Amino acid sequence: MTNNNEKYIDKIKKLLALAKSTNPHEAAIAMQRALKLMKEHDINASDVELFSINESMAKRTPTDAEKQPSYVGILANVICSAFGVKGYFCYNNETNHMTVKFYGMRERPQLAAYAFDVLVRLIIKARKEFLNGQNKRIKKSTKMARADQFCIGWINGIYNVLSKFVIPDDENKILNKYEQEKLDLSEATLRNTKNCNGADDAKYKGYLAGKNIKLNHGLSGSGNSPSLIGVK
């Protein structure tokens, strides 16, 4: 798509927004102008829909490892589920960290990225506190495995705190088309969480810690429009 087309699509989007006006005369004029622009520049409804998708990048993941641990993928999926977006791993050149970029409709990707950043800070802190509480005589590999299990439990606890957002079928089709036409994605390879002595206990402690995090999900109205998220 050319830059000129993108400029016209932006105008069309604004006109289509005006076409929802409660003033019938104003709405009719806006719709006529939008259809005229679409015809003049060979722009179809599908082009406009794809251009309405936004992307927003989180600052970083909880770890700098090249192969991200499985709990990071679980955390990203929880955020996608809560905010009705999709996401993929990428590199943030500004922070020099691996991160997740979220994409979806309206303000939801920005909110998802913000929520991810909040939870990354919290899970880094929780993991560190868990490791500090481990017996110093335990092997490092066992400590790390337990910490990963703790993080999975922590995220499961968070999952029960956040409300879920079901992406409508029409939006899901647009997102899938956007993924196919605009993004060149490959399946992420994550590091599996190792089983270890004390894994169940670590996971349960993580669950209790995550479950007690008080998040203000900020769902407005019917619960289909996330507006903000913060930590109480």
Protein backbone atom coordinates (compact mmCIF):
# COMPACT_ATOMS: atom_id res chain seq x y z
CA MET A 1 0.00 0.00 0.00
CA THR A 2 1.42 3.42 -0.95
CA ASN A 3 1.90 6.28 1.51
CA ASN A 4 -0.70 8.28 -0.43
CA ASN A 5 -3.23 5.50 0.05
CA GLU A 6 -2.46 5.43 3.75
CA LYS A 7 -3.11 9.17 3.89
CA TYR A 8 -6.47 8.73 2.16
CA ILE A 9 -7.37 5.77 4.35
CA ASP A 10 -6.80 7.96 7.41
CA LYS A 11 -9.25 10.50 5.95
CA ILE A 12 -11.74 7.73 5.18
CA LYS A 13 -11.53 6.45 8.74
CA LYS A 14 -12.34 9.91 10.08
CA LEU A 15 -15.24 10.26 7.66
CA LEU A 16 -16.62 6.86 8.63
CA ALA A 17 -16.44 7.92 12.28
CA LEU A 18 -18.44 11.05 11.40
CA ALA A 19 -20.91 8.84 9.54
CA LYS A 20 -21.94 7.47 12.94
CA SER A 21 -23.18 10.92 13.94
CA THR A 22 -26.68 11.20 15.38
CA ASN A 23 -27.24 14.05 12.91
CA PRO A 24 -28.65 12.26 9.80
CA HIS A 25 -27.57 15.05 7.41
CA GLU A 26 -24.01 15.15 8.74
CA ALA A 27 -23.80 11.34 8.73
CA ALA A 28 -25.00 11.08 5.13
CA ILE A 29 -22.50 13.67 3.85
CA ALA A 30 -19.61 11.97 5.68
CA MET A 31 -20.56 8.57 4.25
CA GLN A 32 -20.84 9.98 0.70
CA ARG A 33 -17.39 11.56 0.96
CA ALA A 34 -15.89 8.35 2.36
CA LEU A 35 -17.35 6.23 -0.47
CA LYS A 36 -16.17 8.77 -3.05
CA LEU A 37 -12.60 8.65 -1.75
CA MET A 38 -12.65 4.86 -1.67
CA LYS A 39 -13.80 4.74 -5.29
CA GLU A 40 -11.35 7.40 -6.53
CA HIS A 41 -8.31 5.71 -4.97
CA ASP A 42 -9.38 2.07 -5.37
CA ILE A 43 -9.55 1.50 -1.63
CA ASN A 44 -11.89 -1.19 -0.33
CA ALA A 45 -13.39 -1.82 3.10
CA SER A 46 -10.80 -4.48 3.83
CA ASP A 47 -7.97 -1.94 3.34
CA VAL A 48 -9.64 0.42 5.80
CA GLU A 49 -10.13 -2.38 8.34
CA LEU A 50 -6.46 -3.43 8.18
CA PHE A 51 -5.34 0.17 8.58
CA SER A 52 -7.46 0.48 11.72
CA ILE A 53 -5.25 -2.02 13.56
CA ASN A 54 -2.72 -0.51 15.97
CA GLU A 55 0.50 -1.90 17.41
CA SER A 56 2.22 -1.12 20.70
CA MET A 57 5.51 -2.46 22.04
CA ALA A 58 6.19 -3.28 25.69
CA LYS A 59 9.53 -2.21 27.14
CA ARG A 60 10.96 -5.66 27.88
CA THR A 61 10.36 -9.24 28.97
CA PRO A 62 11.32 -10.43 32.49
CA THR A 63 14.53 -12.02 31.21
CA ASP A 64 17.27 -11.13 28.73
CA ALA A 65 17.67 -14.74 27.59
CA GLU A 66 17.73 -15.22 23.82
CA LYS A 67 15.37 -18.19 24.22
CA GLN A 68 12.60 -16.94 26.46
CA PRO A 69 11.31 -19.24 29.24
CA SER A 70 7.85 -20.69 28.77
CA TYR A 71 6.37 -18.57 31.57
CA VAL A 72 7.02 -15.41 29.52
CA GLY A 73 4.92 -16.83 26.69
CA ILE A 74 2.19 -17.68 29.21
CA LEU A 75 2.29 -14.12 30.57
CA ALA A 76 1.97 -12.65 27.07
CA ASN A 77 -0.99 -14.95 26.33
CA VAL A 78 -2.70 -13.90 29.57
CA ILE A 79 -2.38 -10.24 28.55
CA CYS A 80 -3.71 -10.99 25.06
CA SER A 81 -6.68 -12.78 26.61
CA ALA A 82 -7.41 -9.91 29.00
CA PHE A 83 -7.25 -7.13 26.42
CA GLY A 84 -8.52 -8.73 23.25
CA VAL A 85 -5.27 -8.40 21.29
CA LYS A 86 -2.59 -10.60 19.76
CA GLY A 87 1.16 -10.36 20.20
CA TYR A 88 4.58 -11.54 19.09
CA PHE A 89 8.14 -11.49 20.40
CA CYS A 90 10.56 -8.94 18.95
CA TYR A 91 13.62 -6.89 19.90
CA ASN A 92 13.24 -3.42 21.40
CA ASN A 93 16.09 -1.31 20.00
CA GLU A 94 15.44 1.49 22.49
CA THR A 95 15.81 -0.66 25.60
CA ASN A 96 18.08 -3.34 24.06
CA HIS A 97 15.82 -6.06 25.44
CA MET A 98 13.59 -8.77 24.06
CA THR A 99 9.98 -7.72 24.32
CA VAL A 100 6.44 -8.31 23.08
CA LYS A 101 4.58 -6.20 20.55
CA PHE A 102 0.78 -6.27 20.80
CA TYR A 103 -1.60 -5.54 17.94
CA GLY A 104 -5.34 -5.05 17.84
CA MET A 105 -8.18 -2.56 17.59
CA ARG A 106 -8.44 0.91 19.06
CA GLU A 107 -6.52 1.59 22.30
CA ARG A 108 -6.27 -2.04 23.38
CA PRO A 109 -2.66 -2.75 22.20
CA GLN A 110 -1.36 0.28 24.11
CA LEU A 111 -3.16 -0.84 27.25
CA ALA A 112 -1.88 -4.40 26.80
CA ALA A 113 1.73 -3.16 26.48
CA TYR A 114 1.33 -1.03 29.61
CA ALA A 115 -0.19 -3.95 31.54
CA PHE A 116 2.63 -6.24 30.39
CA ASP A 117 5.23 -3.72 31.62
CA VAL A 118 3.49 -3.48 35.01
CA LEU A 119 3.38 -7.26 35.42
CA VAL A 120 6.98 -7.71 34.24
CA ARG A 121 8.17 -5.40 37.02
CA LEU A 122 6.08 -7.30 39.56
CA ILE A 123 7.14 -10.78 38.45
CA ILE A 124 10.85 -9.83 38.43
CA LYS A 125 10.47 -8.63 42.04
CA ALA A 126 8.45 -11.71 43.09
CA ARG A 127 10.95 -14.11 41.48
CA LYS A 128 13.88 -12.41 43.20
CA GLU A 129 12.15 -12.60 46.60
CA PHE A 130 11.37 -16.28 46.02
CA LEU A 131 15.00 -17.06 45.15
CA ASN A 132 16.26 -15.16 48.20
CA GLY A 133 14.06 -17.39 50.36
CA GLN A 134 15.57 -20.63 49.03
CA ASN A 135 18.06 -22.65 51.03
CA LYS A 136 21.59 -21.66 49.98
CA ARG A 137 22.70 -25.30 49.97
CA ILE A 138 20.31 -26.17 47.12
CA LYS A 139 21.90 -26.57 43.69
CA LYS A 140 21.61 -23.50 41.46
CA SER A 141 19.90 -25.51 38.71
CA THR A 142 17.21 -26.63 41.19
CA LYS A 143 16.72 -23.07 42.42
CA MET A 144 16.29 -21.79 38.87
CA ALA A 145 13.83 -24.57 38.01
CA ARG A 146 11.81 -23.85 41.13
CA ALA A 147 11.81 -20.14 40.31
CA ASP A 148 10.42 -20.90 36.84
CA GLN A 149 7.70 -23.05 38.43
CA PHE A 150 6.98 -20.23 40.87
CA CYS A 151 6.55 -17.81 37.95
CA ILE A 152 4.10 -20.14 36.20
CA GLY A 153 2.06 -20.35 39.41
CA TRP A 154 2.25 -16.56 39.82
CA ILE A 155 0.88 -16.01 36.32
CA ASN A 156 -1.90 -18.54 36.92
CA GLY A 157 -2.85 -16.48 39.98
CA ILE A 158 -2.89 -13.28 37.91
CA TYR A 159 -5.03 -15.03 35.28
CA ASN A 160 -7.75 -15.52 37.87
CA VAL A 161 -7.63 -11.81 38.80
CA LEU A 162 -8.00 -10.33 35.32
CA SER A 163 -11.26 -10.25 33.40
CA LYS A 164 -11.24 -11.94 30.01
CA PHE A 165 -11.99 -10.12 26.74
CA VAL A 166 -13.47 -12.24 23.95
CA ILE A 167 -12.46 -10.90 20.54
CA PRO A 168 -15.58 -10.65 18.33
CA ASP A 169 -15.49 -12.93 15.26
CA ASP A 170 -15.38 -10.01 12.79
CA GLU A 171 -12.39 -8.45 14.59
CA ASN A 172 -10.64 -11.81 14.80
CA LYS A 173 -10.91 -12.22 11.02
CA ILE A 174 -9.36 -8.77 10.52
CA LEU A 175 -6.53 -9.59 12.93
CA ASN A 176 -5.82 -12.88 11.17
CA LYS A 177 -5.74 -11.12 7.81
CA TYR A 178 -3.43 -8.45 9.23
CA GLU A 179 -1.10 -11.16 10.52
CA GLN A 180 -1.01 -12.88 7.14
CA GLU A 181 -0.57 -9.75 5.00
CA LYS A 182 1.40 -7.35 7.21
CA LEU A 183 3.51 -9.50 9.53
CA ASP A 184 6.17 -12.06 8.74
CA LEU A 185 5.94 -14.22 11.85
CA SER A 186 7.47 -17.55 12.78
CA GLU A 187 6.55 -19.64 15.79
CA ALA A 188 8.46 -18.60 18.90
CA THR A 189 10.79 -21.20 20.42
CA LEU A 190 10.55 -21.06 24.19
CA ARG A 191 12.67 -22.75 26.85
CA ASN A 192 10.71 -25.50 28.58
CA THR A 193 10.30 -25.28 32.34
CA LYS A 194 12.21 -28.12 34.01
CA ASN A 195 10.58 -30.34 36.57
CA CYS A 196 12.41 -30.51 39.89
CA ASN A 197 12.14 -31.49 43.52
CA GLY A 198 9.75 -29.03 45.17
CA ALA A 199 8.15 -27.93 41.87
CA ASP A 200 4.55 -28.26 43.05
CA ASP A 201 5.24 -26.33 46.24
CA ALA A 202 6.99 -23.56 44.29
CA LYS A 203 4.13 -23.32 41.81
CA TYR A 204 1.54 -23.16 44.60
CA LYS A 205 3.48 -20.41 46.40
CA GLY A 206 3.59 -18.52 43.10
CA TYR A 207 -0.14 -18.96 42.61
CA LEU A 208 -0.91 -17.54 46.07
CA ALA A 209 1.40 -14.58 45.46
CA GLY A 210 -0.06 -13.81 42.02
CA LYS A 211 -3.63 -14.27 43.21
CA ASN A 212 -3.08 -11.60 45.85
CA ILE A 213 -1.94 -8.95 43.37
CA LYS A 214 -4.68 -6.31 43.28
CA LEU A 215 -5.04 -5.01 39.75
CA ASN A 216 -7.41 -2.32 38.61
CA HIS A 217 -8.34 -3.66 35.19
CA GLY A 218 -10.32 -0.50 34.40
CA LEU A 219 -13.05 -2.10 32.33
CA SER A 220 -15.67 0.47 31.42
CA GLY A 221 -19.31 0.04 30.57
CA SER A 222 -20.22 -3.46 29.43
CA GLY A 223 -16.72 -4.82 30.07
CA ASN A 224 -15.81 -4.78 26.37
CA SER A 225 -13.75 -1.56 26.42
CA PRO A 226 -10.60 -1.71 28.53
CA SER A 227 -9.66 1.86 29.47
CA LEU A 228 -6.74 1.65 31.89
CA ILE A 229 -4.91 -0.64 34.24
CA GLY A 230 -3.01 0.08 37.42
CA VAL A 231 -1.82 -1.59 40.56
CA LYS A 232 -3.81 -0.95 43.71
